């Protein structure tokens, strides 16, 4: 690890392949972009900010990305994939009832965002500063969460009896996103896991009507 906490390549001669070196450089740039945007915001972040944090050359940057936006979108997608993986793993808990798995997934999501305020700002706030393509990507990612959670809740007969189960799931995911985004905007990311209990209580009240 280097002073920025990024995994560093071995010095001098090494046995890494060109593909391994390229993958390491790309990962460092994605982390550098996430860190810079979390600190400065998307509009104020420059390619030079990413290079400084990733310790790569400008030539290397443009071998991987067409421009700042392309790097940012790749960093966002990497964060989305990581969070989706955490949520999916929690949902797959064997032997747990539906609401138990939903609780584990929601807590895992909130805990992941709470762990890094800068990454949470990038994922929830700065994505809207990066243009229409970024906004569309954000919608696609959120839609993916709706589909995953709807698949889980569809196992619960109470959920299936709702007038419009899909809309109920969209409302749940949209409401969670709004609450979480507001807390991150106020610098309260560390307190995000505390939202788990009231969110689930309100959703249970909807199912128990």
Foldseek 3Di string as FASTA:
>chain_A
DDPLPQDDDDPDDDDDDPVRVLVSLLVLLLVQLLQQCLVPNLVPDASVSSCVRSVDDPVSVVVPAVGSLRSLLVSLVVVLVVLVVQLVVLLPDPPDALLNSVLSSQLSNLVVQLVDLSNVCSNQPRLVVSDDVSVVVNVVSLVVVLVVSLVSCVVPVLLVPDPDNSVVSSCLSVVLSVVQSVCSVVVNSNCRSVVSVVSSVVVVVSSVD
